[in-house]
C-alpha atoms as a PDB file:
ATOM      1  CA  MET A   1     151.400 232.273  50.917  1.00  0.00           C
ATOM      2  CA  GLU A   2     148.597 231.342  53.295  1.00  0.00           C
ATOM      3  CA  SER A   3     150.078 233.498  56.052  1.00  0.00           C
ATOM      4  CA  LEU A   4     150.477 236.422  53.634  1.00  0.00           C
ATOM      5  CA  GLN A   5     146.840 236.076  52.589  1.00  0.00           C
ATOM      6  CA  ALA A   6     145.723 235.957  56.237  1.00  0.00           C
ATOM      7  CA  ALA A   7     147.801 239.070  56.972  1.00  0.00           C
ATOM      8  CA  GLU A   8     146.207 240.870  54.027  1.00  0.00           C
ATOM      9  CA  GLU A   9     142.719 239.952  55.245  1.00  0.00           C
ATOM     10  CA  LYS A  10     143.485 241.303  58.734  1.00  0.00           C
ATOM     11  CA  ASP A  11     145.419 244.345  57.434  1.00  0.00           C
ATOM     12  CA  LEU A  12     148.585 243.210  59.228  1.00  0.00           C
ATOM     13  CA  PRO A  13     152.140 243.579  57.949  1.00  0.00           C
ATOM     14  CA  VAL A  14     154.361 240.525  57.659  1.00  0.00           C
ATOM     15  CA  GLN A  15     157.880 240.705  59.043  1.00  0.00           C
ATOM     16  CA  PHE A  16     160.820 238.974  57.385  1.00  0.00           C
ATOM     17  CA  HIS A  17     164.081 238.514  59.240  1.00  0.00           C
ATOM     18  CA  THR A  18     166.757 239.771  56.846  1.00  0.00           C
ATOM     19  CA  GLY A  19     170.515 239.952  56.975  1.00  0.00           C
ATOM     20  CA  HIS A  20     172.716 238.246  59.490  1.00  0.00           C
ATOM     21  CA  GLY A  21     171.235 236.132  62.205  1.00  0.00           C
ATOM     22  CA  GLY A  22     172.578 233.557  64.568  1.00  0.00           C
ATOM     23  CA  GLY A  23     172.991 229.842  64.827  1.00  0.00           C
ATOM     24  CA  SER A  24     174.325 227.083  62.624  1.00  0.00           C
ATOM     25  CA  TRP A  25     171.257 227.120  60.358  1.00  0.00           C
ATOM     26  CA  ILE A  26     172.269 230.319  58.552  1.00  0.00           C
ATOM     27  CA  ASP A  27     172.294 229.994  54.784  1.00  0.00           C
ATOM     28  CA  PHE A  28     174.793 232.701  53.869  1.00  0.00           C
ATOM     29  CA  PRO A  29     173.983 232.812  50.124  1.00  0.00           C
ATOM     30  CA  THR A  30     170.342 233.705  50.863  1.00  0.00           C
ATOM     31  CA  MET A  31     170.825 236.353  53.580  1.00  0.00           C
ATOM     32  CA  ASN A  32     170.601 239.256  51.144  1.00  0.00           C
ATOM     33  CA  PRO A  33     167.063 240.695  50.992  1.00  0.00           C
ATOM     34  CA  LEU A  34     167.334 240.736  47.189  1.00  0.00           C
ATOM     35  CA  CYS A  35     166.582 237.013  47.426  1.00  0.00           C
ATOM     36  CA  LEU A  36     162.994 238.067  48.198  1.00  0.00           C
ATOM     37  CA  VAL A  37     162.427 239.879  44.874  1.00  0.00           C
ATOM     38  CA  GLU A  38     160.458 237.052  43.262  1.00  0.00           C
ATOM     39  CA  LEU A  39     158.191 236.828  46.294  1.00  0.00           C
ATOM     40  CA  LEU A  40     157.721 240.611  46.354  1.00  0.00           C
ATOM     41  CA  LYS A  41     156.815 240.602  42.649  1.00  0.00           C
ATOM     42  CA  ASP A  42     154.255 237.822  43.100  1.00  0.00           C
ATOM     43  CA  ARG A  43     150.759 239.134  42.273  1.00  0.00           C
ATOM     44  CA  ARG A  44     149.459 237.746  45.578  1.00  0.00           C
ATOM     45  CA  VAL A  45     151.939 239.914  47.496  1.00  0.00           C
ATOM     46  CA  MET A  46     152.763 243.022  45.463  1.00  0.00           C
ATOM     47  CA  ASN A  47     150.766 246.009  46.701  1.00  0.00           C
ATOM     48  CA  ARG A  48     148.463 243.713  48.681  1.00  0.00           C
ATOM     49  CA  VAL A  49     150.208 243.086  51.992  1.00  0.00           C
ATOM     50  CA  ARG A  50     152.776 245.243  53.788  1.00  0.00           C
ATOM     51  CA  ILE A  51     156.160 243.557  54.134  1.00  0.00           C
ATOM     52  CA  VAL A  52     158.664 244.698  56.784  1.00  0.00           C
ATOM     53  CA  LEU A  53     162.287 243.721  56.155  1.00  0.00           C
ATOM     54  CA  LEU A  54     163.668 243.586  59.678  1.00  0.00           C
ATOM     55  CA  HIS A  55     167.192 244.676  60.575  1.00  0.00           C
ATOM     56  CA  GLY A  56     167.538 246.745  57.411  1.00  0.00           C
ATOM     57  CA  GLY A  57     168.993 243.616  55.805  1.00  0.00           C
ATOM     58  CA  HIS A  58     172.267 244.269  57.645  1.00  0.00           C
ATOM     59  CA  PRO A  59     174.893 244.222  56.151  1.00  0.00           C
ATOM     60  CA  HIS A  60     172.916 244.651  52.912  1.00  0.00           C
ATOM     61  CA  GLU A  61     171.344 248.006  53.774  1.00  0.00           C
ATOM     62  CA  GLU A  62     171.721 249.451  50.265  1.00  0.00           C
ATOM     63  CA  ASP A  63     169.873 246.494  48.764  1.00  0.00           C
ATOM     64  CA  THR A  64     167.124 246.850  51.353  1.00  0.00           C
ATOM     65  CA  SER A  65     166.950 250.559  50.539  1.00  0.00           C
ATOM     66  CA  TYR A  66     166.444 249.679  46.897  1.00  0.00           C
ATOM     67  CA  LEU A  67     163.629 247.240  47.695  1.00  0.00           C
ATOM     68  CA  THR A  68     161.743 249.792  49.792  1.00  0.00           C
ATOM     69  CA  ALA A  69     162.012 252.279  46.928  1.00  0.00           C
ATOM     70  CA  GLN A  70     160.876 249.801  44.275  1.00  0.00           C
ATOM     71  CA  PHE A  71     157.971 248.147  46.082  1.00  0.00           C
ATOM     72  CA  ALA A  72     155.191 250.327  47.496  1.00  0.00           C
ATOM     73  CA  ASN A  73     154.292 247.722  50.125  1.00  0.00           C
ATOM     74  CA  VAL A  74     157.841 247.155  51.481  1.00  0.00           C
ATOM     75  CA  TYR A  75     159.113 248.814  54.679  1.00  0.00           C
ATOM     76  CA  THR A  76     162.188 248.315  56.821  1.00  0.00           C
ATOM     77  CA  ASP A  77     163.626 249.168  60.209  1.00  0.00           C
ATOM     78  CA  PHE A  78     167.020 250.210  61.534  1.00  0.00           C
ATOM     79  CA  SER A  79     167.299 247.448  64.116  1.00  0.00           C
ATOM     80  CA  GLY A  80     170.413 245.824  62.656  1.00  0.00           C
ATOM     81  CA  ALA A  81     172.044 248.801  61.024  1.00  0.00           C
ATOM     82  CA  PHE A  82     172.897 250.966  64.002  1.00  0.00           C
ATOM     83  CA  TYR A  83     174.135 248.738  66.799  1.00  0.00           C
ATOM     84  CA  LEU A  84     175.316 245.581  65.079  1.00  0.00           C
ATOM     85  CA  SER A  85     177.717 247.764  63.081  1.00  0.00           C
ATOM     86  CA  SER A  86     180.041 248.853  65.880  1.00  0.00           C
ATOM     87  CA  LEU A  87     181.881 251.932  64.597  1.00  0.00           C
ATOM     88  CA  LYS A  88     180.027 252.204  61.292  1.00  0.00           C
ATOM     89  CA  GLY A  89     176.487 252.597  62.604  1.00  0.00           C
ATOM     90  CA  VAL A  90     175.916 256.021  61.045  1.00  0.00           C
ATOM     91  CA  GLU A  91     177.288 254.841  57.696  1.00  0.00           C
ATOM     92  CA  ARG A  92     175.037 251.756  57.717  1.00  0.00           C
ATOM     93  CA  MET A  93     172.034 253.917  58.606  1.00  0.00           C
ATOM     94  CA  ALA A  94     172.943 256.325  55.783  1.00  0.00           C
ATOM     95  CA  ALA A  95     173.173 253.376  53.375  1.00  0.00           C
ATOM     96  CA  LEU A  96     169.660 252.322  54.382  1.00  0.00           C
ATOM     97  CA  LEU A  97     168.374 255.825  53.627  1.00  0.00           C
ATOM     98  CA  GLU A  98     170.264 256.016  50.321  1.00  0.00           C
ATOM     99  CA  ARG A  99     167.180 255.227  48.221  1.00  0.00           C
ATOM    100  CA  ALA A 100     164.488 254.360  50.736  1.00  0.00           C
ATOM    101  CA  PRO A 101     161.557 256.751  51.015  1.00  0.00           C
ATOM    102  CA  LEU A 102     161.785 258.451  54.400  1.00  0.00           C
ATOM    103  CA  ASP A 103     158.250 257.351  55.265  1.00  0.00           C
ATOM    104  CA  LYS A 104     159.121 253.651  54.947  1.00  0.00           C
ATOM    105  CA  VAL A 105     161.992 253.352  57.435  1.00  0.00           C
ATOM    106  CA  MET A 106     161.352 253.045  61.151  1.00  0.00           C
ATOM    107  CA  TYR A 107     163.048 252.516  64.466  1.00  0.00           C
ATOM    108  CA  GLY A 108     163.467 248.978  65.722  1.00  0.00           C
ATOM    109  CA  SER A 109     165.428 247.972  68.803  1.00  0.00           C
ATOM    110  CA  ASP A 110     165.744 244.222  68.279  1.00  0.00           C
ATOM    111  CA  GLY A 111     165.662 244.297  72.070  1.00  0.00           C
ATOM    112  CA  VAL A 112     165.135 240.643  72.797  1.00  0.00           C
ATOM    113  CA  MET A 113     166.337 238.275  75.491  1.00  0.00           C
ATOM    114  CA  PHE A 114     167.603 240.899  77.965  1.00  0.00           C
ATOM    115  CA  PRO A 115     165.984 244.232  78.978  1.00  0.00           C
ATOM    116  CA  GLU A 116     169.399 245.851  78.755  1.00  0.00           C
ATOM    117  CA  ILE A 117     169.427 245.355  74.988  1.00  0.00           C
ATOM    118  CA  SER A 118     166.295 247.485  74.594  1.00  0.00           C
ATOM    119  CA  TRP A 119     167.757 250.140  76.869  1.00  0.00           C
ATOM    120  CA  PHE A 120     171.120 250.136  75.064  1.00  0.00           C
ATOM    121  CA  ALA A 121     169.571 250.037  71.589  1.00  0.00           C
ATOM    122  CA  HIS A 122     167.291 253.006  72.243  1.00  0.00           C
ATOM    123  CA  GLY A 123     170.094 255.228  73.519  1.00  0.00           C
ATOM    124  CA  ARG A 124     172.521 254.201  70.786  1.00  0.00           C
ATOM    125  CA  PHE A 125     169.892 254.718  68.111  1.00  0.00           C
ATOM    126  CA  ARG A 126     169.151 258.272  69.242  1.00  0.00           C
ATOM    127  CA  VAL A 127     172.856 259.163  69.186  1.00  0.00           C
ATOM    128  CA  GLN A 128     173.400 257.588  65.760  1.00  0.00           C
ATOM    129  CA  LEU A 129     170.250 259.131  64.233  1.00  0.00           C
ATOM    130  CA  THR A 130     171.225 262.565  65.556  1.00  0.00           C
ATOM    131  CA  ARG A 131     174.680 262.221  63.986  1.00  0.00           C
ATOM    132  CA  LEU A 132     173.175 261.118  60.679  1.00  0.00           C
ATOM    133  CA  LEU A 133     170.591 263.901  60.516  1.00  0.00           C
ATOM    134  CA  ASN A 134     173.172 266.528  61.526  1.00  0.00           C
ATOM    135  CA  ARG A 135     175.418 265.290  58.731  1.00  0.00           C
ATOM    136  CA  MET A 136     172.513 265.519  56.280  1.00  0.00           C
ATOM    137  CA  ILE A 137     171.847 269.104  57.431  1.00  0.00           C
ATOM    138  CA  GLU A 138     175.548 270.015  57.065  1.00  0.00           C
ATOM    139  CA  GLU A 139     175.621 268.587  53.541  1.00  0.00           C
ATOM    140  CA  GLY A 140     172.461 270.465  52.551  1.00  0.00           C
ATOM    141  CA  CYS A 141     170.312 267.343  52.144  1.00  0.00           C
ATOM    142  CA  LEU A 142     167.815 268.435  54.812  1.00  0.00           C
ATOM    143  CA  THR A 143     166.876 271.630  56.557  1.00  0.00           C
ATOM    144  CA  GLU A 144     166.834 271.584  60.334  1.00  0.00           C
ATOM    145  CA  PRO A 145     162.998 271.661  60.529  1.00  0.00           C
ATOM    146  CA  ARG A 146     162.783 268.822  57.985  1.00  0.00           C
ATOM    147  CA  ALA A 147     165.361 266.809  59.966  1.00  0.00           C
ATOM    148  CA  ARG A 148     163.184 267.137  63.086  1.00  0.00           C
ATOM    149  CA  GLN A 149     160.186 265.973  61.060  1.00  0.00           C
ATOM    150  CA  VAL A 150     162.156 263.009  59.670  1.00  0.00           C
ATOM    151  CA  ALA A 151     163.269 262.051  63.183  1.00  0.00           C
ATOM    152  CA  ARG A 152     159.637 261.949  64.310  1.00  0.00           C
ATOM    153  CA  MET A 153     158.663 259.928  61.249  1.00  0.00           C
ATOM    154  CA  ILE A 154     161.402 257.362  61.823  1.00  0.00           C
ATOM    155  CA  CYS A 155     160.912 257.160  65.588  1.00  0.00           C
ATOM    156  CA  PHE A 156     157.124 257.142  65.670  1.00  0.00           C
ATOM    157  CA  ASP A 157     154.898 258.018  62.703  1.00  0.00           C
ATOM    158  CA  ASN A 158     156.163 255.455  60.177  1.00  0.00           C
ATOM    159  CA  ALA A 159     155.474 252.567  62.549  1.00  0.00           C
ATOM    160  CA  LEU A 160     151.946 253.850  63.114  1.00  0.00           C
ATOM    161  CA  ASP A 161     151.392 253.979  59.355  1.00  0.00           C
ATOM    162  CA  CYS A 162     152.824 250.503  58.782  1.00  0.00           C
ATOM    163  CA  TYR A 163     151.090 248.889  61.768  1.00  0.00           C
ATOM    164  CA  PRO A 164     147.524 250.302  61.807  1.00  0.00           C
ATOM    165  CA  ALA A 165     146.668 248.404  65.015  1.00  0.00           C
ATOM    166  CA  LEU A 166     149.267 250.558  66.803  1.00  0.00           C
ATOM    167  CA  ARG A 167     147.528 253.741  65.677  1.00  0.00           C
ATOM    168  CA  GLN A 168     144.276 252.458  67.159  1.00  0.00           C
ATOM    169  CA  ARG A 169     146.029 251.744  70.471  1.00  0.00           C
ATOM    170  CA  VAL A 170     147.706 255.147  70.791  1.00  0.00           C
ATOM    171  CA  GLY A 171     144.878 257.099  69.181  1.00  0.00           C
ATOM    172  CA  ALA A 172     145.178 259.760  66.535  1.00  0.00           C
ATOM    173  CA  VAL A 173     148.374 261.700  67.110  1.00  0.00           C
END
């Protein structure tokens, strides 16, 4: 709670690793982001500090989607949904958008350890997001102009809104 209070004082979001990870320390029963509900409902957290659920909670994207819809201060990123899913990347991304407000989901590469991961993740994300938005246009969920706007939100604007220090660095866009 001390770190959450410090983040609130400095207007910084707090990131939580959600979903699958690596190593022998994984506690499989607690990987679902729904395990964070009590923390998110705590009066010291709710609507006071922005929480970012990293990796979209993969493979629990629908639960993460629900949390972002239910809690005004909860955001997420696509970093686990689109490239850790192999052939089902678009479906996992769609699951994350099932309930989540479009202004609370953002790009994340999870590009750590090797530069190639960042390069691969960026290219794969663009392909998967294009497929998803085209499907949403075909099904009448979005118009083409709105899909372009959503792409910009997910790829750029939402991160600037969630991380105010970024907006200061890039200036008003």
